[in-house]
């Protein structure tokens, strides 16, 4: 699925995966996560870091980024938060 097919999905529990704090989890959040995980630690504001930890394991890593991408792609079984599940 290409980014052009991704859509904005209203956040049920505001904050889970919404790393730019605009009220939805969408491609903008996935992009910010990618930038953050690529080393740009300023890509996500410090007050939004908890929103990025979608599997709530205390670490913002590839698992969180992939989960956000799959969630916005509407992959079956992906809800936010994932509560400890890793989707590498």
N, C-alpha and C. Protein backbone atom coordinates (compact mmCIF):
# COMPACT_ATOMS: atom_id res chain seq x y z
N UNK A 1 0.85 -1.18 0.00
CA UNK A 1 0.00 0.00 0.00
C UNK A 1 0.90 1.24 0.00
N UNK A 2 0.59 2.19 -0.83
CA UNK A 2 1.40 3.40 -0.92
C UNK A 2 0.84 4.49 -0.01
N UNK A 3 1.69 5.46 0.37
CA UNK A 3 1.21 6.55 1.23
C UNK A 3 -0.01 7.27 0.71
N UNK A 4 -0.20 7.33 -0.60
CA UNK A 4 -1.36 8.02 -1.15
C UNK A 4 -2.67 7.34 -0.75
N UNK A 5 -2.59 6.06 -0.35
CA UNK A 5 -3.79 5.34 0.06
C UNK A 5 -4.04 5.43 1.56
N UNK A 6 -3.06 5.96 2.30
CA UNK A 6 -3.23 6.07 3.75
C UNK A 6 -4.18 7.22 4.03
N UNK A 7 -4.92 7.08 5.08
CA UNK A 7 -5.87 8.13 5.42
C UNK A 7 -5.69 8.55 6.86
N UNK A 8 -6.34 9.63 7.21
CA UNK A 8 -6.34 10.09 8.60
C UNK A 8 -7.43 9.34 9.34
N UNK A 9 -7.06 8.83 10.49
CA UNK A 9 -8.01 8.07 11.31
C UNK A 9 -8.17 8.80 12.63
N UNK A 10 -9.39 9.17 13.02
CA UNK A 10 -9.56 9.86 14.31
C UNK A 10 -9.01 9.00 15.45
N UNK A 11 -8.35 9.65 16.38
CA UNK A 11 -7.77 8.95 17.52
C UNK A 11 -8.83 8.71 18.58
N UNK A 12 -9.04 7.44 18.95
CA UNK A 12 -10.02 7.11 19.99
C UNK A 12 -9.53 7.57 21.36
N UNK A 13 -8.33 7.21 21.70
CA UNK A 13 -7.70 7.63 22.95
C UNK A 13 -6.63 8.64 22.57
N UNK A 14 -6.98 9.90 22.65
CA UNK A 14 -6.10 10.96 22.18
C UNK A 14 -4.69 10.77 22.70
N UNK A 15 -3.72 10.76 21.80
CA UNK A 15 -2.32 10.66 22.17
C UNK A 15 -1.64 9.40 21.71
N UNK A 16 -2.31 8.30 21.61
CA UNK A 16 -1.67 7.05 21.24
C UNK A 16 -1.32 7.04 19.76
N UNK A 17 -0.04 7.32 19.47
CA UNK A 17 0.43 7.35 18.10
C UNK A 17 0.34 8.71 17.43
N UNK A 18 -0.32 9.64 18.05
CA UNK A 18 -0.50 10.98 17.50
C UNK A 18 0.70 11.85 17.88
N UNK A 19 1.85 11.58 17.26
CA UNK A 19 3.09 12.21 17.69
C UNK A 19 3.19 13.70 17.36
N UNK A 20 2.35 14.20 16.47
CA UNK A 20 2.35 15.64 16.21
C UNK A 20 1.18 16.35 16.89
N UNK A 21 0.41 15.61 17.66
CA UNK A 21 -0.67 16.17 18.50
C UNK A 21 -1.69 16.98 17.73
N UNK A 22 -2.09 16.48 16.55
CA UNK A 22 -3.11 17.19 15.78
C UNK A 22 -4.48 16.53 15.88
N UNK A 23 -4.58 15.46 16.68
CA UNK A 23 -5.88 14.84 16.91
C UNK A 23 -6.17 13.61 16.07
N UNK A 24 -5.29 13.28 15.11
CA UNK A 24 -5.45 12.08 14.30
C UNK A 24 -4.11 11.38 14.15
N UNK A 25 -4.15 10.09 13.88
CA UNK A 25 -2.94 9.34 13.55
C UNK A 25 -2.95 9.17 12.04
N UNK A 26 -1.95 9.74 11.36
CA UNK A 26 -1.92 9.71 9.91
C UNK A 26 -0.49 9.67 9.39
N UNK A 27 -0.33 9.86 8.09
CA UNK A 27 0.98 9.79 7.46
C UNK A 27 1.94 10.81 8.05
N UNK A 28 1.44 11.93 8.53
CA UNK A 28 2.31 12.93 9.16
C UNK A 28 2.97 12.37 10.40
N UNK A 29 2.23 11.58 11.17
CA UNK A 29 2.80 10.95 12.37
C UNK A 29 3.84 9.91 11.97
N UNK A 30 3.55 9.11 10.96
CA UNK A 30 4.50 8.10 10.50
C UNK A 30 5.78 8.77 10.00
N UNK A 31 5.66 9.89 9.33
CA UNK A 31 6.82 10.62 8.84
C UNK A 31 7.66 11.16 10.00
N UNK A 32 7.01 11.72 11.00
CA UNK A 32 7.74 12.23 12.17
C UNK A 32 8.44 11.09 12.91
N UNK A 33 7.77 9.95 13.03
CA UNK A 33 8.40 8.79 13.66
C UNK A 33 9.63 8.36 12.88
N UNK A 34 9.53 8.32 11.56
CA UNK A 34 10.66 7.92 10.73
C UNK A 34 11.84 8.87 10.95
N UNK A 35 11.56 10.16 10.96
CA UNK A 35 12.62 11.15 11.19
C UNK A 35 13.26 10.94 12.56
N UNK A 36 12.43 10.73 13.57
CA UNK A 36 12.92 10.53 14.93
C UNK A 36 13.79 9.27 15.01
N UNK A 37 13.31 8.19 14.44
CA UNK A 37 14.04 6.93 14.49
C UNK A 37 15.30 6.95 13.62
N UNK A 38 15.37 7.89 12.68
CA UNK A 38 16.55 8.05 11.84
C UNK A 38 17.60 8.95 12.48
N UNK A 39 17.32 9.41 13.69
CA UNK A 39 18.31 10.20 14.41
C UNK A 39 17.96 11.65 14.68
N UNK A 40 16.89 12.15 14.07
CA UNK A 40 16.47 13.53 14.31
C UNK A 40 15.59 13.57 15.55
N UNK A 41 16.20 13.66 16.71
CA UNK A 41 15.47 13.60 17.97
C UNK A 41 14.60 14.84 18.21
N UNK A 42 14.74 15.85 17.36
CA UNK A 42 13.87 17.03 17.44
C UNK A 42 12.60 16.87 16.61
N UNK A 43 12.47 15.77 15.90
CA UNK A 43 11.30 15.54 15.04
C UNK A 43 10.02 15.39 15.85
N UNK A 44 10.15 14.92 17.09
CA UNK A 44 9.00 14.78 17.98
C UNK A 44 9.27 15.60 19.23
N UNK A 45 8.37 16.50 19.53
CA UNK A 45 8.53 17.34 20.72
C UNK A 45 8.53 16.48 21.98
N UNK A 46 9.28 16.90 22.96
CA UNK A 46 9.43 16.11 24.19
C UNK A 46 8.09 15.82 24.85
N UNK A 47 7.15 16.76 24.77
CA UNK A 47 5.85 16.54 25.39
C UNK A 47 5.01 15.50 24.65
N UNK A 48 5.45 15.11 23.46
CA UNK A 48 4.72 14.12 22.66
C UNK A 48 5.40 12.76 22.61
N UNK A 49 6.51 12.60 23.30
CA UNK A 49 7.24 11.33 23.24
C UNK A 49 6.42 10.16 23.77
N UNK A 50 5.63 10.38 24.80
CA UNK A 50 4.80 9.28 25.31
C UNK A 50 3.79 8.82 24.26
N UNK A 51 3.37 9.72 23.41
CA UNK A 51 2.44 9.37 22.34
C UNK A 51 3.09 8.45 21.31
N UNK A 52 4.41 8.55 21.17
CA UNK A 52 5.14 7.76 20.19
C UNK A 52 5.35 6.32 20.64
N UNK A 53 5.30 6.07 21.93
CA UNK A 53 5.55 4.72 22.47
C UNK A 53 4.25 3.92 22.45
N UNK A 54 3.83 3.51 21.24
CA UNK A 54 2.51 2.90 21.08
C UNK A 54 2.39 1.50 21.65
N UNK A 55 3.52 0.81 21.84
CA UNK A 55 3.43 -0.51 22.48
C UNK A 55 3.70 -0.41 23.98
N UNK A 56 3.93 0.79 24.44
CA UNK A 56 4.05 1.13 25.86
C UNK A 56 5.04 0.25 26.60
N UNK A 57 6.23 0.08 25.97
CA UNK A 57 7.30 -0.68 26.62
C UNK A 57 8.39 0.22 27.18
N UNK A 58 8.18 1.54 27.09
CA UNK A 58 9.15 2.50 27.62
C UNK A 58 10.27 2.85 26.66
N UNK A 59 10.22 2.32 25.44
CA UNK A 59 11.25 2.57 24.44
C UNK A 59 10.57 2.98 23.14
N UNK A 60 11.06 4.05 22.53
CA UNK A 60 10.54 4.45 21.22
C UNK A 60 11.49 3.86 20.19
N UNK A 61 11.00 2.89 19.45
CA UNK A 61 11.85 2.18 18.51
C UNK A 61 11.08 1.78 17.26
N UNK A 62 11.72 0.93 16.46
CA UNK A 62 11.13 0.48 15.19
C UNK A 62 9.77 -0.17 15.39
N UNK A 63 9.58 -0.88 16.49
CA UNK A 63 8.28 -1.52 16.75
C UNK A 63 7.16 -0.48 16.74
N UNK A 64 7.42 0.65 17.38
CA UNK A 64 6.41 1.71 17.43
C UNK A 64 6.16 2.31 16.04
N UNK A 65 7.25 2.56 15.31
CA UNK A 65 7.11 3.12 13.97
C UNK A 65 6.33 2.23 13.03
N UNK A 66 6.66 0.94 13.04
CA UNK A 66 5.97 -0.02 12.17
C UNK A 66 4.51 -0.14 12.57
N UNK A 67 4.24 -0.15 13.87
CA UNK A 67 2.86 -0.26 14.33
C UNK A 67 2.02 0.92 13.86
N UNK A 68 2.58 2.13 13.93
CA UNK A 68 1.85 3.31 13.45
C UNK A 68 1.61 3.19 11.95
N UNK A 69 2.60 2.76 11.19
CA UNK A 69 2.43 2.61 9.74
C UNK A 69 1.34 1.60 9.43
N UNK A 70 1.36 0.48 10.11
CA UNK A 70 0.35 -0.55 9.85
C UNK A 70 -1.04 -0.11 10.29
N UNK A 71 -1.10 0.64 11.37
CA UNK A 71 -2.39 1.16 11.85
C UNK A 71 -3.01 2.09 10.81
N UNK A 72 -2.22 3.03 10.30
CA UNK A 72 -2.80 3.98 9.34
C UNK A 72 -3.06 3.32 8.00
N UNK A 73 -2.40 2.20 7.74
CA UNK A 73 -2.68 1.43 6.52
C UNK A 73 -3.90 0.54 6.68
N UNK A 74 -4.46 0.57 7.88
CA UNK A 74 -5.65 -0.21 8.24
C UNK A 74 -5.43 -1.72 8.13
N UNK A 75 -4.22 -2.14 8.51
CA UNK A 75 -3.93 -3.58 8.55
C UNK A 75 -4.77 -4.22 9.66
N UNK A 76 -5.32 -5.36 9.36
CA UNK A 76 -6.18 -6.06 10.30
C UNK A 76 -5.42 -6.38 11.60
N UNK A 77 -6.05 -6.10 12.72
CA UNK A 77 -5.48 -6.43 14.01
C UNK A 77 -4.62 -5.34 14.64
N UNK A 78 -4.48 -4.21 13.97
CA UNK A 78 -3.64 -3.15 14.51
C UNK A 78 -4.50 -2.05 15.11
N UNK A 79 -4.46 -1.99 16.42
CA UNK A 79 -5.14 -0.95 17.18
C UNK A 79 -4.08 -0.23 18.02
N UNK A 80 -4.35 0.97 18.41
CA UNK A 80 -3.43 1.70 19.27
C UNK A 80 -4.08 1.95 20.62
N UNK A 81 -3.37 1.76 21.70
CA UNK A 81 -2.01 1.23 21.80
C UNK A 81 -1.99 -0.28 21.64
N UNK A 82 -0.81 -0.82 21.35
CA UNK A 82 -0.64 -2.26 21.14
C UNK A 82 -0.30 -3.00 22.43
N UNK A 83 0.01 -2.30 23.47
CA UNK A 83 0.27 -2.87 24.80
C UNK A 83 1.27 -4.01 24.79
N UNK A 84 2.54 -3.70 24.58
CA UNK A 84 3.61 -4.67 24.71
C UNK A 84 3.88 -5.52 23.49
N UNK A 85 3.07 -5.42 22.47
CA UNK A 85 3.28 -6.23 21.27
C UNK A 85 4.28 -5.54 20.35
N UNK A 86 5.12 -6.31 19.75
CA UNK A 86 6.08 -5.79 18.77
C UNK A 86 5.68 -6.29 17.40
N UNK A 87 5.77 -5.41 16.40
CA UNK A 87 5.32 -5.77 15.06
C UNK A 87 6.43 -5.67 14.04
N UNK A 88 7.65 -5.97 14.43
CA UNK A 88 8.77 -5.87 13.47
C UNK A 88 8.57 -6.81 12.32
